Amino acid sequence: MSVKPESPSALFAGPFALATLSPLSALSALSDPEGPAFPALVTPDAQVLDLRIALGDAQLTVRSLLEKWEAALPQLRALAGENRPDHRPLADFHVQAPVEPRQVFQSGANYRQHVIDLHVAHRAPDDDRSEEERRAEAAEIMDRRAAEDLPYVFIGLPSSLTGPYDDVVLPSWAEKPDWELELAAVIGRPAHQVSVEEAWECVAGYTIANDLTDRATVFRRDMPQIGTDWLRSKNAPGFTPLGPWIVPAESIADPGDLRLTLKLNGETMQDESTKDMIFDVARVVAYASRTARLLPGDLVLTGSPAGNGMHWGRLLRDGDVMDGAIAGLGAQRNRCVAEA
């Protein structure tokens, strides 16, 4: 089941965005719940063009389009400017996660205020320092990290992705499920050991990710010396709502100044600009490329700002509705459903 947010006058910045759609009829109980997905060009006034037909490639996907991004971009610009008879209303389709990446790179502790909040929230039982002392310690740690140019990047699973309007199942074992709205960069060309300047050229576009985390399983209780357990805490099926679309990088004037907002049941929980990032998009992409070879369609999540559930003392529950939005990139809405 899906719950869609109200549509603004323009769905996103720029003349077009990319989406992966399927017919609503394919969501019937007798059909494949994923439906016959296809890559689509979406216009800001909510019209859809099937790119398999428009580009004459029956096997086309958003990822295969990103694999030839340099050549495809002029074609997409031209299609967006045409008044074609084969446009259809977006309302006729189910919006899926916009791309199927081979790799998901996730950046943690990348917003200054968020790191301070987490540092205070994860207080050790024997830590009797004041909150001010612990906040000061977190600030010192961030300053040192920024000076050394070392973003914190780890790996996520593509199987955790779900659509921007799909229900999110809260696993029965997840004691403290939390939200984390993030700007996600979508890779448009292979990137390995690229510089910060080169990294900007490797980003095809941007989308929205909500990187859910079970706070209770972030740190291993049986072996605390191991540190964080991102597999268990972040990678349950559907724990990363993605989309609704990929907006080309050329349509986003400044990814370093985008407003992120997340509302829980209508109440604003996160409201911050990407200005608060410690490492910007290019620095995170360049750092990830030092070790890994980033591929077209891969996602690079850039961290989440302050205002998660641990900060508010309110974690996700059955029936909660999360509304996430990033300026110029659209909005997603996901309802939380407890695992049966």
Protein backbone atom coordinates (compact mmCIF):
# COMPACT_ATOMS: atom_id res chain seq x y z
CA MET A 1 0.00 0.00 0.00
CA SER A 2 1.16 3.56 -0.57
CA VAL A 3 0.23 7.01 0.69
CA LYS A 4 1.18 9.96 -1.51
CA PRO A 5 1.88 13.49 -0.29
CA GLU A 6 -0.04 16.40 -1.68
CA SER A 7 1.41 17.52 -5.02
CA PRO A 8 2.92 21.04 -5.13
CA SER A 9 2.50 23.21 -8.22
CA ALA A 10 5.89 21.94 -9.50
CA LEU A 11 7.11 18.52 -8.47
CA PHE A 12 10.82 19.37 -8.65
CA ALA A 13 13.38 21.86 -9.95
CA GLY A 14 14.26 21.89 -13.64
CA PRO A 15 12.49 20.74 -16.81
CA PHE A 16 12.46 16.99 -16.09
CA ALA A 17 13.37 14.19 -13.72
CA LEU A 18 13.83 10.44 -14.03
CA ALA A 19 11.56 7.90 -12.36
CA THR A 20 10.85 4.20 -12.32
CA LEU A 21 7.12 3.59 -12.64
CA SER A 22 4.67 0.74 -12.96
CA PRO A 23 0.97 0.71 -13.85
CA LEU A 24 -1.37 0.95 -10.88
CA SER A 25 -3.31 -2.03 -12.25
CA ALA A 26 -0.22 -4.17 -11.66
CA LEU A 27 -0.67 -3.73 -7.91
CA SER A 28 -3.71 -5.99 -7.73
CA ALA A 29 -3.55 -9.04 -5.48
CA LEU A 30 -3.19 -11.35 -8.49
CA SER A 31 -0.22 -9.48 -9.97
CA ASP A 32 3.45 -9.06 -9.22
CA PRO A 33 3.49 -6.32 -6.54
CA GLU A 34 6.51 -4.75 -8.24
CA GLY A 35 4.68 -4.56 -11.56
CA PRO A 36 6.23 -4.22 -15.02
CA ALA A 37 8.53 -1.35 -14.13
CA PHE A 38 9.77 1.05 -16.78
CA PRO A 39 12.00 4.15 -16.88
CA ALA A 40 10.14 7.40 -17.27
CA LEU A 41 10.77 11.05 -17.92
CA VAL A 42 8.55 13.09 -15.60
CA THR A 43 7.75 16.75 -16.15
CA PRO A 44 7.18 19.25 -13.31
CA ASP A 45 3.45 19.34 -14.14
CA ALA A 46 3.15 15.58 -13.47
CA GLN A 47 3.18 14.21 -17.02
CA VAL A 48 5.00 10.98 -17.85
CA LEU A 49 6.84 9.74 -20.93
CA ASP A 50 7.85 6.08 -21.25
CA LEU A 51 11.53 6.26 -22.17
CA ARG A 52 11.59 2.74 -23.60
CA ILE A 53 9.30 3.95 -26.36
CA ALA A 54 10.72 7.46 -26.72
CA LEU A 55 14.32 6.21 -27.02
CA GLY A 56 13.51 2.99 -28.87
CA ASP A 57 15.00 0.58 -26.33
CA ALA A 58 12.67 -2.04 -24.89
CA GLN A 59 15.28 -3.14 -22.32
CA LEU A 60 16.03 0.35 -21.02
CA THR A 61 16.15 1.01 -17.27
CA VAL A 62 17.09 4.09 -15.32
CA ARG A 63 20.39 2.46 -14.42
CA SER A 64 21.24 1.61 -18.04
CA LEU A 65 20.38 5.20 -18.94
CA LEU A 66 22.83 6.42 -16.29
CA GLU A 67 25.49 4.14 -17.77
CA LYS A 68 25.42 6.32 -20.90
CA TRP A 69 24.56 9.53 -19.12
CA GLU A 70 26.74 11.90 -21.14
CA ALA A 71 25.05 10.87 -24.38
CA ALA A 72 21.58 10.48 -22.87
CA LEU A 73 21.35 13.88 -21.20
CA PRO A 74 20.95 15.92 -24.43
CA GLN A 75 18.28 13.46 -25.60
CA LEU A 76 16.37 13.87 -22.35
CA ARG A 77 16.57 17.65 -22.57
CA ALA A 78 15.10 17.49 -26.07
CA LEU A 79 12.31 15.13 -25.03
CA ALA A 80 11.40 17.38 -22.09
CA GLY A 81 10.93 20.28 -24.51
CA GLU A 82 8.59 18.42 -26.86
CA ASN A 83 4.81 18.52 -26.68
CA ARG A 84 4.24 14.82 -27.32
CA PRO A 85 0.89 13.05 -27.68
CA ASP A 86 2.13 10.02 -25.73
CA HIS A 87 2.43 11.86 -22.41
CA ARG A 88 0.30 10.32 -19.66
CA PRO A 89 -0.64 11.60 -16.20
CA LEU A 90 1.63 10.53 -13.35
CA ALA A 91 -1.46 9.67 -11.31
CA ASP A 92 -1.92 6.57 -13.47
CA PHE A 93 1.27 4.99 -12.13
CA HIS A 94 2.89 3.59 -9.03
CA VAL A 95 6.18 5.33 -8.22
CA GLN A 96 8.96 2.93 -7.30
CA ALA A 97 12.48 3.62 -6.08
CA PRO A 98 13.94 5.53 -9.04
CA VAL A 99 17.01 3.33 -9.60
CA GLU A 100 18.36 -0.11 -8.72
CA PRO A 101 21.95 0.55 -7.64
CA ARG A 102 24.66 -2.06 -7.45
CA GLN A 103 26.22 -0.30 -4.47
CA VAL A 104 24.98 2.01 -1.73
CA PHE A 105 27.51 4.17 0.10
CA GLN A 106 26.28 5.80 3.29
CA SER A 107 27.90 8.71 5.06
CA GLY A 108 27.48 8.96 8.81
CA ALA A 109 28.12 11.75 11.28
CA ASN A 110 28.13 14.39 8.54
CA TYR A 111 25.94 17.12 10.03
CA ARG A 112 27.44 19.06 12.87
CA GLN A 113 24.37 19.43 15.08
CA HIS A 114 23.27 15.85 14.40
CA VAL A 115 26.60 14.45 15.57
CA ILE A 116 26.40 16.46 18.76
CA ASP A 117 22.89 15.14 19.44
CA LEU A 118 23.90 11.52 18.82
CA HIS A 119 27.00 11.89 20.99
CA VAL A 120 24.84 13.10 23.85
CA ALA A 121 22.15 10.46 23.29
CA HIS A 122 24.58 7.51 23.30
CA ARG A 123 25.89 8.28 26.76
CA ALA A 124 27.81 5.48 28.42
CA PRO A 125 26.37 4.35 31.77
CA ASP A 126 29.57 5.31 33.58
CA ASP A 127 29.91 8.71 31.89
CA ASP A 128 29.03 11.28 34.55
CA ARG A 129 30.10 14.34 32.60
CA SER A 130 27.65 17.16 31.97
CA GLU A 131 25.83 17.51 28.66
CA GLU A 132 27.84 20.63 27.90
CA GLU A 133 31.10 18.71 28.34
CA ARG A 134 29.97 15.91 26.04
CA ARG A 135 28.76 18.40 23.40
CA ALA A 136 32.12 20.16 23.52
CA GLU A 137 33.87 16.82 23.04
CA ALA A 138 31.73 16.07 19.97
CA ALA A 139 32.55 19.46 18.46
CA GLU A 140 36.27 18.82 18.92
CA ILE A 141 35.98 15.43 17.23
CA MET A 142 34.20 16.97 14.23
CA ASP A 143 36.74 19.75 13.88
CA ARG A 144 39.53 17.19 13.85
CA ARG A 145 37.74 15.04 11.25
CA ALA A 146 37.07 18.02 8.98
CA ALA A 147 40.70 19.09 9.16
CA GLU A 148 41.91 15.60 8.27
CA ASP A 149 39.39 15.30 5.38
CA LEU A 150 38.08 11.92 6.48
CA PRO A 151 34.35 11.44 5.94
CA TYR A 152 32.84 8.38 7.61
CA VAL A 153 31.47 6.12 4.86
CA PHE A 154 30.06 2.60 5.15
CA ILE A 155 28.15 0.21 2.91
CA GLY A 156 24.40 -0.34 2.65
CA LEU A 157 22.42 -3.03 0.86
CA PRO A 158 20.33 -2.31 -2.26
CA SER A 159 17.75 -4.76 -0.85
CA SER A 160 16.91 -2.20 1.86
CA LEU A 161 15.46 0.21 -0.72
CA THR A 162 11.75 0.74 -1.15
CA GLY A 163 9.53 3.21 -2.96
CA PRO A 164 8.92 6.80 -1.86
CA TYR A 165 5.27 6.16 -1.02
CA ASP A 166 5.45 2.53 0.13
CA ASP A 167 4.73 1.26 3.62
CA VAL A 168 7.78 0.64 5.79
CA VAL A 169 7.64 -2.54 7.83
CA LEU A 170 9.11 -2.14 11.31
CA PRO A 171 10.78 -5.47 12.19
CA SER A 172 9.61 -7.10 15.40
CA TRP A 173 13.19 -7.12 16.70
CA ALA A 174 13.73 -3.38 16.10
CA GLU A 175 13.33 -1.80 19.53
CA LYS A 176 14.20 1.78 18.55
CA PRO A 177 13.48 2.43 14.84
CA ASP A 178 14.43 5.96 13.86
CA TRP A 179 14.27 8.21 10.79
CA GLU A 180 17.18 9.93 8.99
CA LEU A 181 16.32 12.06 5.96
CA GLU A 182 19.27 12.44 3.57
CA LEU A 183 20.34 13.96 0.28
CA ALA A 184 21.50 11.14 -2.01
CA ALA A 185 23.84 11.68 -4.95
CA VAL A 186 23.35 9.37 -7.94
CA ILE A 187 26.50 8.39 -9.79
CA GLY A 188 26.54 8.90 -13.58
CA ARG A 189 30.00 7.66 -14.56
CA PRO A 190 32.57 5.25 -13.06
CA ALA A 191 34.58 6.92 -10.31
CA HIS A 192 37.75 5.50 -8.79
CA GLN A 193 40.33 7.59 -6.96
CA VAL A 194 38.84 10.82 -8.26
CA SER A 195 39.66 14.24 -6.86
CA VAL A 196 37.08 16.46 -5.19
CA GLU A 197 36.89 18.56 -8.36
CA GLU A 198 36.41 15.48 -10.52
CA ALA A 199 33.79 14.08 -8.15
CA TRP A 200 31.26 16.76 -9.13
CA GLU A 201 31.44 15.52 -12.74
CA CYS A 202 30.60 11.99 -11.58
CA VAL A 203 27.24 12.97 -10.07
CA ALA A 204 24.35 12.62 -12.53
CA GLY A 205 21.67 13.83 -10.18
CA TYR A 206 20.13 13.84 -6.74
CA THR A 207 17.29 12.13 -4.96
CA ILE A 208 15.83 11.74 -1.46
CA ALA A 209 16.63 8.89 0.92
CA ASN A 210 15.26 8.16 4.39
CA ASP A 211 17.93 6.00 5.99
CA LEU A 212 16.03 4.30 8.79
CA THR A 213 18.11 3.02 11.69
CA ASP A 214 17.32 0.80 14.67
CA ARG A 215 19.22 2.63 17.40
CA ALA A 216 19.08 -0.36 19.72
CA THR A 217 21.30 -2.45 17.43
CA VAL A 218 23.80 0.18 16.23
CA PHE A 219 26.31 -0.93 18.85
CA ARG A 220 27.01 -4.58 19.61
CA ARG A 221 26.12 -5.43 23.18
CA ASP A 222 27.92 -8.77 23.12
CA MET A 223 31.20 -7.32 21.80
CA PRO A 224 31.25 -3.54 22.29
CA GLN A 225 34.88 -3.37 21.20
CA ILE A 226 33.78 -4.25 17.64
CA GLY A 227 31.89 -0.97 17.33
CA THR A 228 28.93 -0.38 15.03
CA ASP A 229 26.73 -3.03 13.42
CA TRP A 230 25.30 -1.31 10.34
CA LEU A 231 24.10 -4.57 8.77
CA ARG A 232 21.53 -5.20 11.47
CA SER A 233 20.67 -1.63 12.38
CA LYS A 234 20.12 -0.21 8.87
CA ASN A 235 19.48 -2.91 6.29
CA ALA A 236 16.12 -4.48 6.99
CA PRO A 237 13.97 -4.79 3.83
CA GLY A 238 12.36 -1.45 3.07
CA PHE A 239 14.46 0.49 5.59
CA THR A 240 15.55 3.00 2.93
CA PRO A 241 12.66 4.74 1.17
CA LEU A 242 14.13 6.31 -1.98
CA GLY A 243 12.86 8.90 -4.42
CA PRO A 244 10.46 9.81 -5.84
CA TRP A 245 12.77 10.84 -8.70
CA ILE A 246 16.28 11.62 -9.78
CA VAL A 247 16.65 15.31 -10.57
CA PRO A 248 19.64 16.01 -12.85
CA ALA A 249 22.56 17.75 -11.17
CA GLU A 250 22.37 20.57 -13.72
CA SER A 251 18.92 21.49 -12.35
CA ILE A 252 20.17 21.93 -8.77
CA ALA A 253 21.94 25.27 -8.46
CA ASP A 254 23.65 24.54 -5.15
CA PRO A 255 23.49 21.09 -3.50
CA GLY A 256 25.32 22.70 -0.59
CA ASP A 257 22.28 24.79 0.28
CA LEU A 258 19.16 22.62 0.09
CA ARG A 259 16.49 22.52 2.79
CA LEU A 260 15.66 19.10 4.24
CA THR A 261 12.47 18.64 6.25
CA LEU A 262 10.94 15.58 7.82
CA LYS A 263 7.57 15.56 9.51
CA LEU A 264 6.22 12.80 11.71
CA ASN A 265 2.42 12.70 11.69
CA GLY A 266 2.48 16.34 10.56
CA GLU A 267 4.92 17.57 13.21
CA THR A 268 8.28 18.87 11.99
CA MET A 269 11.19 16.84 13.36
CA GLN A 270 14.05 17.65 10.96
CA ASP A 271 14.46 21.06 9.34
CA GLU A 272 18.00 21.90 8.25
CA SER A 273 20.08 23.01 5.28
CA THR A 274 22.82 20.96 3.68
CA LYS A 275 25.01 23.93 4.68
CA ASP A 276 25.39 22.12 8.02
CA MET A 277 27.31 19.28 6.33
CA ILE A 278 30.85 18.75 7.55
CA PHE A 279 31.87 17.22 4.20
CA ASP A 280 30.00 18.28 1.05
CA VAL A 281 28.78 15.94 -1.68
CA ALA A 282 32.00 16.03 -3.71
CA ARG A 283 34.20 15.33 -0.69
CA VAL A 284 32.11 12.31 0.28
CA VAL A 285 32.10 10.94 -3.29
CA ALA A 286 35.84 11.50 -3.67
CA TYR A 287 36.55 9.82 -0.34
CA ALA A 288 34.43 6.75 -1.18
CA SER A 289 36.24 6.49 -4.51
CA ARG A 290 39.62 6.24 -2.80
CA THR A 291 38.85 2.62 -2.02
CA ALA A 292 35.83 1.57 -4.07
CA ARG A 293 34.99 1.91 -7.74
CA LEU A 294 31.70 3.74 -7.90
CA LEU A 295 29.44 2.68 -10.77
CA PRO A 296 26.64 4.42 -12.67
CA GLY A 297 23.42 4.19 -10.71
CA ASP A 298 25.18 3.82 -7.36
CA LEU A 299 23.95 5.92 -4.48
CA VAL A 300 26.02 8.06 -2.16
CA LEU A 301 23.99 9.09 0.87
CA THR A 302 25.40 12.18 2.51
CA GLY A 303 24.24 11.95 6.11
CA SER A 304 21.27 13.25 8.05
CA PRO A 305 20.76 16.51 9.95
CA ALA A 306 19.71 16.98 13.54
CA GLY A 307 16.23 16.04 14.66
CA ASN A 308 16.11 12.25 14.69
CA GLY A 309 13.93 10.28 17.05
CA MET A 310 16.65 9.84 19.66
CA HIS A 311 16.89 13.61 19.91
CA TRP A 312 13.14 13.95 20.47
CA GLY A 313 12.79 10.86 22.66
CA ARG A 314 10.16 9.55 20.23
CA LEU A 315 10.89 6.55 18.01
CA LEU A 316 8.81 5.15 15.16
CA ARG A 317 5.63 3.21 15.91
CA ASP A 318 2.99 1.29 14.01
CA GLY A 319 0.79 3.75 12.10
CA ASP A 320 3.24 6.65 12.03
CA VAL A 321 3.48 8.60 8.78
CA MET A 322 6.78 10.17 7.72
CA ASP A 323 6.77 13.04 5.24
CA GLY A 324 10.24 13.82 3.89
CA ALA A 325 11.11 16.60 1.45
CA ILE A 326 14.20 18.25 0.01
CA ALA A 327 13.96 21.56 -1.83
CA GLY A 328 13.92 20.98 -5.59
CA LEU A 329 13.79 17.20 -5.29
CA GLY A 330 10.19 16.55 -4.34
CA ALA A 331 8.67 14.74 -1.39
CA GLN A 332 8.06 11.25 -0.12
CA ARG A 333 5.54 9.85 2.34
CA ASN A 334 5.82 6.49 4.09
CA ARG A 335 3.57 4.86 6.62
CA CYS A 336 5.08 2.62 9.27
CA VAL A 337 3.53 -0.82 9.76
CA ALA A 338 4.52 -3.20 12.53
CA GLU A 339 5.72 -6.60 11.37
CA ALA A 340 3.01 -9.20 11.86
